[in-house]
Structures are given as C-alpha cells and as structure tokens.
C-alpha cells in the first residue's frame, strides 16, 4: 500500500463507519417490543366494526361487558402488536381505551370481554385509534339492593356527544392482568 492510498483508505473506512451508524436513524425509531401500535391503513381504506350483541353482567364485585360482532381490518395485521381497542366513555368527559390484538380475535368475528368502571361509564366504543370510533353503544346504571347494575341502552351514532372525546389508550404491553377493572383510570 502506498503512502498516498493510506489516507484514502482511512477516509473510506471513516465514512463507512459514519454511514452505518447513521442508517438506523434514517429508518426512524424502532418499535419497542413492549409497545402495541394501531393498525395503519393504506390511503382510501379503513377498518370497520359492528356490534351484534352486548352482555353486561356482574362477576363477583366487578361489572364485565362482552361485545360480540364483527371486525374487518383495512389490511391483514402484520404482527401480534397491531391493535384496535375497546374504550369506555365516562360521565366526566374522559375516555379510556384498552388495546385488543387483532390476532386474538376470530376475524372477521369479534368477541371481547372487559371490566368497566361502575356508575361513571355511560358509553363504550370499538375504536381503531384514539380518535376513530367504529361502533358505539350506551350504558345506564341503576342501584339494585345496593349494587350497581349496568344496562345496555342501544347503539349510538359515532358522533354522539357521549363519545366525542378522544380515548386515551396506553399502548404499552403490560405483564399479566386480572378480572378487576382494566379500564379504570
């Protein structure tokens, strides 16, 4: 190797190292393995959902809702971290969603059971993102022998004032869960 080619070789090595270090940042941040993500839809497509039945029941000290119906994703999910969510809308102008993986559903069917906060939940929706409602219904409450009892009050339009808030949805994957109240704030 000549004296003249050493600086050129060194320059090429430095530029190659810099390019390799910069490559991951050009591709954008990697998705964390402890993170869910909303299913992204190609332009002109959308995810749809419909609700066939809502069952509200008391299980020990909790109120559980089971939503059955259908779910048609805009495209097949690419991994087990892509989600939709079930959101509870509260009387205090707040909404919280809990992620549900597409892979856990019998697509195009849907069968989701969640605990809900008692007395403050006035509506629920299946959502594609925090601000995209797919199918919604109303809930009312009455006290029977000192116990809150939830009642299904029918389908709601997607722009009903009870479901107009964006539903905060924590997309972190959590370890373990219990029957309690996963939608509680």
N, C-alpha and C. Protein backbone atom coordinates (compact mmCIF):
# COMPACT_ATOMS: atom_id res chain seq x y z
N UNK A 1 0.85 -1.17 0.00
CA UNK A 1 0.00 0.00 0.00
C UNK A 1 0.90 1.23 0.00
N UNK A 2 0.62 2.16 -0.87
CA UNK A 2 1.45 3.36 -0.96
C UNK A 2 1.02 4.34 0.10
N UNK A 3 1.92 5.28 0.33
CA UNK A 3 1.64 6.33 1.29
C UNK A 3 0.40 7.12 0.92
N UNK A 4 0.23 7.31 -0.35
CA UNK A 4 -0.91 8.09 -0.84
C UNK A 4 -2.24 7.37 -0.64
N UNK A 5 -2.29 6.05 -0.71
CA UNK A 5 -3.55 5.33 -0.61
C UNK A 5 -4.00 5.14 0.83
N UNK A 6 -3.09 5.26 1.81
CA UNK A 6 -3.48 5.11 3.21
C UNK A 6 -4.50 6.15 3.64
N UNK A 7 -4.30 7.46 3.38
CA UNK A 7 -5.32 8.43 3.79
C UNK A 7 -6.66 8.17 3.09
N UNK A 8 -6.61 7.75 1.85
CA UNK A 8 -7.84 7.47 1.13
C UNK A 8 -8.56 6.27 1.75
N UNK A 9 -7.80 5.23 2.09
CA UNK A 9 -8.37 4.05 2.74
C UNK A 9 -8.96 4.43 4.09
N UNK A 10 -8.24 5.24 4.85
CA UNK A 10 -8.72 5.70 6.15
C UNK A 10 -9.99 6.52 6.00
N UNK A 11 -10.01 7.41 5.02
CA UNK A 11 -11.20 8.23 4.77
C UNK A 11 -12.40 7.35 4.41
N UNK A 12 -12.21 6.36 3.59
CA UNK A 12 -13.29 5.45 3.21
C UNK A 12 -13.79 4.68 4.44
N UNK A 13 -12.89 4.23 5.29
CA UNK A 13 -13.27 3.49 6.50
C UNK A 13 -14.08 4.37 7.44
N UNK A 14 -13.65 5.63 7.60
CA UNK A 14 -14.38 6.56 8.48
C UNK A 14 -15.76 6.85 7.92
N UNK A 15 -15.86 7.13 6.62
CA UNK A 15 -17.16 7.41 6.00
C UNK A 15 -18.09 6.20 6.08
N UNK A 16 -17.56 5.01 5.90
CA UNK A 16 -18.36 3.78 6.00
C UNK A 16 -18.90 3.62 7.42
N UNK A 17 -18.07 3.85 8.42
CA UNK A 17 -18.50 3.73 9.82
C UNK A 17 -19.58 4.76 10.14
N UNK A 18 -19.39 5.99 9.66
CA UNK A 18 -20.39 7.03 9.91
C UNK A 18 -21.71 6.70 9.22
N UNK A 19 -21.66 6.19 8.01
CA UNK A 19 -22.88 5.83 7.29
C UNK A 19 -23.61 4.70 7.99
N UNK A 20 -22.88 3.71 8.49
CA UNK A 20 -23.50 2.59 9.19
C UNK A 20 -24.16 3.06 10.48
N UNK A 21 -23.52 3.97 11.19
CA UNK A 21 -24.09 4.48 12.43
C UNK A 21 -25.33 5.33 12.16
N UNK A 22 -25.36 6.04 11.05
CA UNK A 22 -26.50 6.91 10.73
C UNK A 22 -27.67 6.13 10.14
N UNK A 23 -27.44 4.97 9.57
CA UNK A 23 -28.51 4.22 8.88
C UNK A 23 -29.72 3.95 9.75
N UNK A 24 -29.59 3.46 11.00
CA UNK A 24 -30.79 3.21 11.80
C UNK A 24 -31.60 4.46 12.04
N UNK A 25 -30.96 5.61 12.23
CA UNK A 25 -31.71 6.83 12.49
C UNK A 25 -32.44 7.32 11.25
N UNK A 26 -31.95 6.99 10.06
CA UNK A 26 -32.65 7.37 8.85
C UNK A 26 -33.92 6.56 8.66
N UNK A 27 -33.94 5.35 9.17
CA UNK A 27 -35.11 4.49 9.03
C UNK A 27 -36.18 4.83 10.06
N UNK A 28 -35.91 5.70 10.99
CA UNK A 28 -36.87 6.05 12.03
C UNK A 28 -36.64 5.18 13.26
N UNK A 29 -37.25 5.57 14.37
CA UNK A 29 -37.00 4.82 15.61
C UNK A 29 -37.64 3.43 15.52
N UNK A 30 -36.96 2.42 16.04
CA UNK A 30 -37.54 1.08 16.03
C UNK A 30 -38.72 1.02 17.00
N UNK A 31 -39.69 0.17 16.69
CA UNK A 31 -40.83 -0.02 17.58
C UNK A 31 -40.35 -0.88 18.74
N UNK A 32 -40.61 -0.42 19.96
CA UNK A 32 -40.20 -1.17 21.14
C UNK A 32 -40.96 -2.48 21.22
N UNK A 33 -40.31 -3.51 21.74
CA UNK A 33 -41.00 -4.79 21.83
C UNK A 33 -42.06 -4.79 22.93
N UNK A 34 -42.08 -3.77 23.77
CA UNK A 34 -43.10 -3.68 24.81
C UNK A 34 -44.21 -2.68 24.42
N UNK A 35 -44.36 -2.43 23.13
CA UNK A 35 -45.28 -1.41 22.66
C UNK A 35 -46.24 -1.99 21.62
N UNK A 36 -47.54 -1.70 21.80
CA UNK A 36 -48.52 -2.01 20.77
C UNK A 36 -48.52 -0.86 19.76
N UNK A 37 -49.15 -1.07 18.60
CA UNK A 37 -49.32 0.02 17.65
C UNK A 37 -50.69 -0.13 17.00
N UNK A 38 -51.26 1.01 16.63
CA UNK A 38 -52.53 0.99 15.90
C UNK A 38 -52.28 0.40 14.53
N UNK A 39 -53.26 -0.27 13.97
CA UNK A 39 -53.17 -0.80 12.62
C UNK A 39 -53.24 0.38 11.66
N UNK A 40 -52.19 0.59 10.88
CA UNK A 40 -52.20 1.70 9.92
C UNK A 40 -52.89 1.23 8.64
N UNK A 41 -53.70 2.11 8.08
CA UNK A 41 -54.46 1.76 6.88
C UNK A 41 -53.90 2.49 5.67
N UNK A 42 -53.76 1.80 4.54
CA UNK A 42 -53.35 2.48 3.32
C UNK A 42 -54.40 3.53 2.93
N UNK A 43 -53.97 4.54 2.21
CA UNK A 43 -54.88 5.61 1.77
C UNK A 43 -56.11 5.03 1.09
N UNK A 44 -57.27 5.55 1.46
CA UNK A 44 -58.52 5.13 0.85
C UNK A 44 -59.13 3.88 1.47
N UNK A 45 -58.49 3.32 2.50
CA UNK A 45 -59.05 2.14 3.16
C UNK A 45 -59.31 2.46 4.63
N UNK A 46 -60.10 1.64 5.27
CA UNK A 46 -60.41 1.86 6.68
C UNK A 46 -60.81 0.53 7.32
N UNK A 47 -60.70 0.48 8.64
CA UNK A 47 -61.14 -0.67 9.41
C UNK A 47 -62.59 -0.42 9.80
N UNK A 48 -63.41 -1.45 9.76
CA UNK A 48 -64.81 -1.30 10.17
C UNK A 48 -65.14 -2.34 11.24
N UNK A 49 -66.17 -2.04 12.02
CA UNK A 49 -66.63 -2.96 13.06
C UNK A 49 -68.13 -2.81 13.21
N UNK A 50 -68.76 -3.86 13.70
CA UNK A 50 -70.19 -3.81 14.02
C UNK A 50 -70.41 -4.64 15.27
N UNK A 51 -71.45 -4.27 15.99
CA UNK A 51 -71.77 -4.94 17.25
C UNK A 51 -73.10 -5.68 17.07
N UNK A 52 -73.07 -6.98 17.32
CA UNK A 52 -74.28 -7.80 17.24
C UNK A 52 -74.94 -7.96 18.59
N UNK A 53 -74.13 -8.05 19.65
CA UNK A 53 -74.67 -8.29 20.99
C UNK A 53 -73.76 -7.68 22.04
N UNK A 54 -74.38 -7.15 23.10
CA UNK A 54 -73.66 -6.64 24.26
C UNK A 54 -74.25 -7.31 25.49
N UNK A 55 -73.40 -7.97 26.27
CA UNK A 55 -73.84 -8.58 27.53
C UNK A 55 -73.12 -7.87 28.67
N UNK A 56 -73.88 -7.37 29.60
CA UNK A 56 -73.33 -6.74 30.80
C UNK A 56 -73.71 -7.63 31.98
N UNK A 57 -72.70 -8.02 32.77
CA UNK A 57 -73.00 -8.89 33.90
C UNK A 57 -72.07 -8.60 35.06
N UNK A 58 -72.59 -8.90 36.22
CA UNK A 58 -71.84 -8.74 37.45
C UNK A 58 -71.07 -10.04 37.68
N UNK A 59 -69.76 -9.94 37.85
CA UNK A 59 -68.91 -11.09 38.16
C UNK A 59 -68.23 -10.77 39.48
N UNK A 60 -68.69 -11.39 40.53
CA UNK A 60 -68.26 -11.11 41.90
C UNK A 60 -68.47 -9.63 42.18
N UNK A 61 -67.42 -8.85 42.31
CA UNK A 61 -67.59 -7.43 42.65
C UNK A 61 -67.38 -6.51 41.46
N UNK A 62 -67.26 -7.08 40.26
CA UNK A 62 -66.97 -6.27 39.07
C UNK A 62 -68.09 -6.36 38.05
N UNK A 63 -68.18 -5.33 37.21
CA UNK A 63 -69.09 -5.37 36.08
C UNK A 63 -68.26 -5.64 34.83
N UNK A 64 -68.68 -6.67 34.10
CA UNK A 64 -67.97 -7.08 32.89
C UNK A 64 -68.90 -6.86 31.70
N UNK A 65 -68.30 -6.45 30.57
CA UNK A 65 -69.06 -6.30 29.33
C UNK A 65 -68.43 -7.24 28.30
N UNK A 66 -69.30 -7.97 27.60
CA UNK A 66 -68.85 -8.81 26.49
C UNK A 66 -69.48 -8.26 25.23
N UNK A 67 -68.64 -7.92 24.27
CA UNK A 67 -69.08 -7.36 22.99
C UNK A 67 -68.80 -8.41 21.92
N UNK A 68 -69.85 -8.81 21.20
CA UNK A 68 -69.66 -9.71 20.07
C UNK A 68 -70.16 -9.03 18.82
N UNK A 69 -69.53 -9.33 17.74
CA UNK A 69 -69.90 -8.72 16.46
C UNK A 69 -68.87 -9.08 15.43
N UNK A 70 -68.50 -8.09 14.63
CA UNK A 70 -67.54 -8.33 13.57
C UNK A 70 -66.53 -7.21 13.46
N UNK A 71 -65.41 -7.55 12.88
CA UNK A 71 -64.31 -6.61 12.72
C UNK A 71 -63.64 -6.90 11.39
N UNK A 72 -63.59 -5.89 10.55
CA UNK A 72 -62.96 -6.05 9.24
C UNK A 72 -61.79 -5.08 9.15
N UNK A 73 -60.54 -5.57 9.41
CA UNK A 73 -59.38 -4.68 9.32
C UNK A 73 -59.16 -4.21 7.88
N UNK A 74 -58.58 -3.04 7.73
CA UNK A 74 -58.30 -2.49 6.41
C UNK A 74 -57.26 -3.30 5.65
N UNK A 75 -56.46 -4.06 6.39
CA UNK A 75 -55.45 -4.93 5.80
C UNK A 75 -55.16 -6.01 6.84
N UNK A 76 -54.57 -7.13 6.43
CA UNK A 76 -54.22 -8.15 7.42
C UNK A 76 -53.15 -7.61 8.38
N UNK A 77 -53.30 -7.88 9.67
CA UNK A 77 -52.27 -7.45 10.63
C UNK A 77 -50.93 -8.11 10.29
N UNK A 78 -49.85 -7.33 10.42
CA UNK A 78 -48.51 -7.84 10.10
C UNK A 78 -47.85 -8.51 11.29
N UNK A 79 -48.29 -8.15 12.50
CA UNK A 79 -47.67 -8.74 13.69
C UNK A 79 -48.67 -8.76 14.84
N UNK A 80 -48.30 -9.38 15.92
CA UNK A 80 -49.21 -9.54 17.06
C UNK A 80 -49.28 -8.29 17.93
N UNK A 81 -48.59 -7.22 17.55
CA UNK A 81 -48.64 -5.98 18.34
C UNK A 81 -49.60 -4.96 17.75
N UNK A 82 -50.18 -5.23 16.59
CA UNK A 82 -51.13 -4.28 15.99
C UNK A 82 -52.49 -4.48 16.64
N UNK A 83 -53.12 -3.36 17.03
CA UNK A 83 -54.32 -3.44 17.85
C UNK A 83 -55.45 -2.53 17.39
N UNK A 84 -56.64 -2.85 17.86
CA UNK A 84 -57.77 -1.93 17.95
C UNK A 84 -58.00 -1.80 19.45
N UNK A 85 -59.05 -1.15 19.90
CA UNK A 85 -59.28 -1.03 21.34
C UNK A 85 -60.76 -0.97 21.64
N UNK A 86 -61.08 -1.24 22.89
CA UNK A 86 -62.42 -1.03 23.42
C UNK A 86 -62.29 0.12 24.40
N UNK A 87 -63.09 1.16 24.20
CA UNK A 87 -62.98 2.37 25.02
C UNK A 87 -64.24 2.58 25.84
N UNK A 88 -64.04 3.01 27.07
CA UNK A 88 -65.14 3.40 27.96
C UNK A 88 -65.17 4.92 28.01
N UNK A 89 -66.34 5.49 27.87
CA UNK A 89 -66.54 6.95 27.91
C UNK A 89 -67.28 7.27 29.19
N UNK A 90 -66.71 8.19 29.98
CA UNK A 90 -67.20 8.47 31.32
C UNK A 90 -68.05 9.72 31.37
N UNK A 91 -68.82 9.82 32.43
CA UNK A 91 -69.69 10.99 32.63
C UNK A 91 -68.89 12.26 32.88
N UNK A 92 -67.60 12.15 33.14
CA UNK A 92 -66.76 13.32 33.43
C UNK A 92 -65.96 13.77 32.22
N UNK A 93 -66.47 13.54 31.01
CA UNK A 93 -65.81 13.94 29.76
C UNK A 93 -64.39 13.40 29.68
N UNK A 94 -64.26 12.13 29.93
CA UNK A 94 -62.99 11.44 29.84
C UNK A 94 -63.26 10.10 29.15
N UNK A 95 -62.26 9.56 28.50
CA UNK A 95 -62.42 8.27 27.83
C UNK A 95 -61.10 7.52 27.90
N UNK A 96 -61.20 6.23 28.15
CA UNK A 96 -60.01 5.38 28.24
C UNK A 96 -60.23 4.12 27.42
N UNK A 97 -59.20 3.73 26.67
CA UNK A 97 -59.29 2.52 25.87
C UNK A 97 -58.30 1.48 26.35
N UNK A 98 -58.62 0.23 26.09
CA UNK A 98 -57.69 -0.85 26.38
C UNK A 98 -57.45 -1.62 25.09
N UNK A 99 -56.17 -1.80 24.71
CA UNK A 99 -55.86 -2.45 23.44
C UNK A 99 -56.30 -3.91 23.39
N UNK A 100 -56.69 -4.33 22.19
CA UNK A 100 -57.03 -5.73 21.92
C UNK A 100 -56.30 -6.09 20.62
N UNK A 101 -55.53 -7.16 20.65
CA UNK A 101 -54.79 -7.53 19.44
C UNK A 101 -55.74 -8.15 18.42
N UNK A 102 -55.52 -7.82 17.16
CA UNK A 102 -56.30 -8.42 16.09
C UNK A 102 -56.10 -9.94 16.09
N UNK A 103 -54.89 -10.35 16.41
CA UNK A 103 -54.54 -11.77 16.36
C UNK A 103 -55.34 -12.58 17.38
N UNK A 104 -55.85 -11.92 18.44
CA UNK A 104 -56.63 -12.63 19.47
C UNK A 104 -58.11 -12.77 19.10
N UNK A 105 -58.50 -12.26 17.96
CA UNK A 105 -59.91 -12.26 17.55
C UNK A 105 -60.17 -13.26 16.43
N UNK A 106 -61.38 -13.82 16.40
CA UNK A 106 -61.74 -14.77 15.34
C UNK A 106 -62.20 -14.04 14.09
N UNK A 107 -61.32 -13.23 13.49
CA UNK A 107 -61.69 -12.38 12.36
C UNK A 107 -62.38 -13.18 11.26
N UNK A 108 -63.42 -12.66 10.65
CA UNK A 108 -63.96 -11.32 10.80
C UNK A 108 -64.89 -11.17 12.00
N UNK A 109 -64.94 -12.18 12.87
CA UNK A 109 -65.73 -12.06 14.09
C UNK A 109 -64.99 -11.24 15.14
N UNK A 110 -65.72 -10.87 16.19
CA UNK A 110 -65.13 -10.13 17.30
C UNK A 110 -65.83 -10.60 18.57
N UNK A 111 -65.05 -10.88 19.61
CA UNK A 111 -65.60 -11.28 20.89
C UNK A 111 -64.64 -10.79 21.96
N UNK A 112 -65.01 -9.71 22.64
CA UNK A 112 -64.14 -9.06 23.61
C UNK A 112 -64.87 -8.94 24.94
N UNK A 113 -64.19 -9.31 26.02
CA UNK A 113 -64.75 -9.13 27.36
C UNK A 113 -63.81 -8.23 28.14
N UNK A 114 -64.35 -7.18 28.77
CA UNK A 114 -63.57 -6.23 29.56
C UNK A 114 -64.33 -5.86 30.82
N UNK A 115 -63.58 -5.52 31.86
CA UNK A 115 -64.18 -4.92 33.04
C UNK A 115 -64.41 -3.44 32.77
N UNK A 116 -65.43 -2.88 33.40
CA UNK A 116 -65.70 -1.44 33.20
C UNK A 116 -65.88 -0.74 34.54
N UNK A 117 -65.52 0.54 34.61
CA UNK A 117 -65.75 1.30 35.84
C UNK A 117 -67.25 1.46 36.07
N UNK A 118 -67.67 1.20 37.27
CA UNK A 118 -69.09 1.27 37.58
C UNK A 118 -69.56 2.70 37.80
N UNK A 119 -70.79 2.93 37.44
CA UNK A 119 -71.55 4.18 37.61
C UNK A 119 -71.05 5.34 36.75
N UNK A 120 -69.76 5.40 36.42
CA UNK A 120 -69.28 6.53 35.63
C UNK A 120 -69.25 6.23 34.13
N UNK A 121 -69.30 4.96 33.74
CA UNK A 121 -69.26 4.60 32.32
C UNK A 121 -70.64 4.83 31.72
N UNK A 122 -70.72 5.70 30.70
CA UNK A 122 -72.02 5.95 30.07
C UNK A 122 -72.09 5.49 28.63
N UNK A 123 -70.95 5.11 28.07
CA UNK A 123 -70.93 4.60 26.70
C UNK A 123 -69.63 3.85 26.48
N UNK A 124 -69.63 3.01 25.45
CA UNK A 124 -68.43 2.29 25.05
C UNK A 124 -68.37 2.24 23.54
N UNK A 125 -67.14 2.16 23.01
CA UNK A 125 -66.94 2.06 21.56
C UNK A 125 -65.82 1.09 21.25
N UNK A 126 -65.92 0.48 20.10
CA UNK A 126 -64.78 -0.21 19.50
C UNK A 126 -64.09 0.87 18.68
N UNK A 127 -62.78 1.03 18.88
CA UNK A 127 -62.06 2.11 18.21
C UNK A 127 -60.87 1.57 17.42
N UNK A 128 -60.53 2.28 16.35
CA UNK A 128 -59.36 1.93 15.54
C UNK A 128 -58.13 2.75 15.94
N UNK A 129 -58.35 3.90 16.55
CA UNK A 129 -57.33 4.79 17.12
C UNK A 129 -58.04 5.60 18.19
N UNK A 130 -57.29 6.37 18.92
CA UNK A 130 -57.88 7.18 19.99
C UNK A 130 -59.01 8.08 19.51
N UNK A 131 -58.94 8.50 18.24
CA UNK A 131 -59.92 9.43 17.71
C UNK A 131 -60.80 8.83 16.60
N UNK A 132 -60.75 7.52 16.43
CA UNK A 132 -61.53 6.87 15.36
C UNK A 132 -62.45 5.82 15.97
N UNK A 133 -63.73 6.16 16.08
CA UNK A 133 -64.73 5.25 16.62
C UNK A 133 -65.32 4.42 15.49
N UNK A 134 -65.51 3.12 15.75
CA UNK A 134 -66.04 2.22 14.72
C UNK A 134 -67.48 1.78 15.01
N UNK A 135 -67.81 1.55 16.26
CA UNK A 135 -69.15 1.13 16.67
C UNK A 135 -69.30 1.46 18.16
N UNK A 136 -70.44 2.04 18.55
CA UNK A 136 -70.62 2.51 19.92
C UNK A 136 -71.99 2.11 20.47
N UNK A 137 -72.08 2.09 21.80
CA UNK A 137 -73.36 1.83 22.47
C UNK A 137 -73.40 2.56 23.81
N UNK A 138 -74.62 2.78 24.30
CA UNK A 138 -74.84 3.49 25.56
C UNK A 138 -75.06 2.51 26.70
N UNK A 139 -74.70 2.94 27.90
CA UNK A 139 -74.89 2.16 29.13
C UNK A 139 -75.58 3.06 30.15
N UNK A 140 -76.55 2.51 30.87
CA UNK A 140 -77.15 3.22 32.00
C UNK A 140 -76.98 2.36 33.25
N UNK A 141 -77.18 2.97 34.39
CA UNK A 141 -76.97 2.29 35.66
C UNK A 141 -78.17 2.47 36.58
N UNK A 142 -78.41 1.46 37.38
CA UNK A 142 -79.37 1.60 38.47
C UNK A 142 -78.81 0.82 39.66
N UNK A 143 -79.23 1.21 40.84
CA UNK A 143 -78.79 0.53 42.05
C UNK A 143 -79.90 -0.45 42.45
N UNK A 144 -79.54 -1.72 42.54
CA UNK A 144 -80.48 -2.77 42.92
C UNK A 144 -79.94 -3.44 44.19
N UNK A 145 -80.68 -3.28 45.29
CA UNK A 145 -80.25 -3.82 46.59
C UNK A 145 -78.84 -3.36 46.95
N UNK A 146 -78.55 -2.10 46.66
CA UNK A 146 -77.26 -1.52 47.00
C UNK A 146 -76.12 -1.86 46.05
N UNK A 147 -76.42 -2.55 44.94
CA UNK A 147 -75.39 -2.97 43.99
C UNK A 147 -75.62 -2.30 42.64
N UNK A 148 -74.58 -1.68 42.04
CA UNK A 148 -74.75 -1.07 40.71
C UNK A 148 -75.00 -2.15 39.65
N UNK A 149 -76.05 -1.93 38.85
CA UNK A 149 -76.38 -2.86 37.77
C UNK A 149 -76.38 -2.08 36.47
N UNK A 150 -75.56 -2.56 35.51
CA UNK A 150 -75.45 -1.89 34.21
C UNK A 150 -76.52 -2.42 33.26
N UNK A 151 -77.01 -1.52 32.39
CA UNK A 151 -78.00 -1.89 31.38
C UNK A 151 -77.52 -1.38 30.01
N UNK A 152 -77.69 -2.21 29.01
CA UNK A 152 -77.39 -1.83 27.63
C UNK A 152 -78.52 -0.92 27.16
N UNK A 153 -78.17 0.27 26.66
CA UNK A 153 -79.18 1.24 26.22
C UNK A 153 -79.19 1.45 24.71
N UNK A 154 -78.62 0.54 23.95
CA UNK A 154 -78.69 0.61 22.50
C UNK A 154 -77.49 1.24 21.83
N UNK A 155 -77.48 1.11 20.51
CA UNK A 155 -76.39 1.64 19.69
C UNK A 155 -76.38 3.16 19.72
N UNK A 156 -75.21 3.73 19.54
CA UNK A 156 -75.06 5.19 19.48
C UNK A 156 -74.42 5.57 18.14
N UNK A 157 -74.80 6.73 17.60
CA UNK A 157 -74.08 7.25 16.43
C UNK A 157 -72.63 7.57 16.83
N UNK A 158 -71.72 7.47 15.88
CA UNK A 158 -70.30 7.69 16.16
C UNK A 158 -69.98 9.13 16.55
N UNK A 159 -70.90 10.05 16.29
CA UNK A 159 -70.67 11.45 16.67
C UNK A 159 -71.54 11.88 17.85
N UNK A 160 -72.10 10.92 18.59
CA UNK A 160 -72.91 11.24 19.77
C UNK A 160 -72.04 12.01 20.77
N UNK A 161 -72.59 13.03 21.43
CA UNK A 161 -71.80 13.81 22.40
C UNK A 161 -71.17 12.96 23.51
N UNK A 162 -71.76 11.82 23.84
CA UNK A 162 -71.21 10.97 24.90
C UNK A 162 -69.90 10.30 24.50
N UNK A 163 -69.62 10.22 23.19
CA UNK A 163 -68.41 9.51 22.74
C UNK A 163 -67.49 10.40 21.89
N UNK A 164 -67.64 11.69 22.03
CA UNK A 164 -66.89 12.63 21.18
C UNK A 164 -65.43 12.81 21.62
N UNK A 165 -65.12 12.49 22.88
CA UNK A 165 -63.74 12.64 23.38
C UNK A 165 -62.80 11.64 22.72
N UNK A 166 -61.54 12.01 22.57
CA UNK A 166 -60.52 11.04 22.17
C UNK A 166 -60.29 10.11 23.36
N UNK A 167 -60.15 8.85 23.09
CA UNK A 167 -59.98 7.85 24.16
C UNK A 167 -58.49 7.61 24.40
N UNK A 168 -58.00 8.06 25.54
CA UNK A 168 -56.60 7.79 25.89
C UNK A 168 -56.41 6.27 25.94
N UNK A 169 -55.43 5.78 25.22
CA UNK A 169 -55.15 4.34 25.18
C UNK A 169 -53.66 4.14 25.37
N UNK A 170 -53.31 3.54 26.50
CA UNK A 170 -51.90 3.25 26.78
C UNK A 170 -51.49 2.06 25.92
N UNK A 171 -50.58 2.27 25.00
CA UNK A 171 -50.17 1.22 24.08
C UNK A 171 -48.98 0.40 24.58
N UNK A 172 -48.67 0.51 25.86
CA UNK A 172 -47.60 -0.31 26.44
C UNK A 172 -48.14 -1.70 26.72
N UNK A 173 -47.34 -2.72 26.44
CA UNK A 173 -47.71 -4.09 26.75
C UNK A 173 -47.46 -4.31 28.23
N UNK A 174 -48.49 -4.73 28.93
CA UNK A 174 -48.38 -4.93 30.37
C UNK A 174 -48.29 -6.42 30.66
N UNK A 175 -47.55 -6.77 31.67
CA UNK A 175 -47.44 -8.17 32.05
C UNK A 175 -48.60 -8.56 32.94
N UNK A 176 -49.31 -9.61 32.59
CA UNK A 176 -50.39 -10.14 33.43
C UNK A 176 -51.58 -9.21 33.52
N UNK A 177 -52.69 -9.76 33.93
CA UNK A 177 -53.89 -8.96 34.14
C UNK A 177 -54.82 -9.75 35.02
N UNK A 178 -55.82 -9.07 35.54
CA UNK A 178 -56.80 -9.73 36.39
C UNK A 178 -58.18 -9.36 35.97
N UNK A 179 -59.19 -9.95 36.57
CA UNK A 179 -60.55 -9.67 36.14
C UNK A 179 -61.01 -8.27 36.55
N UNK A 180 -60.44 -7.70 37.58
CA UNK A 180 -60.79 -6.39 38.12
C UNK A 180 -61.39 -5.39 37.16
N UNK A 181 -60.73 -4.31 36.97
CA UNK A 181 -61.28 -3.23 36.17
C UNK A 181 -60.19 -2.66 35.28
N UNK A 182 -59.86 -3.31 34.18
CA UNK A 182 -58.74 -2.85 33.36
C UNK A 182 -58.95 -1.49 32.72
N UNK A 183 -60.19 -1.03 32.61
CA UNK A 183 -60.43 0.29 32.01
C UNK A 183 -60.46 1.41 33.04
N UNK A 184 -60.33 1.06 34.33
CA UNK A 184 -60.38 2.10 35.36
C UNK A 184 -59.19 3.04 35.20
N UNK A 185 -59.41 4.36 35.43
CA UNK A 185 -58.29 5.32 35.33
C UNK A 185 -57.29 5.10 36.46
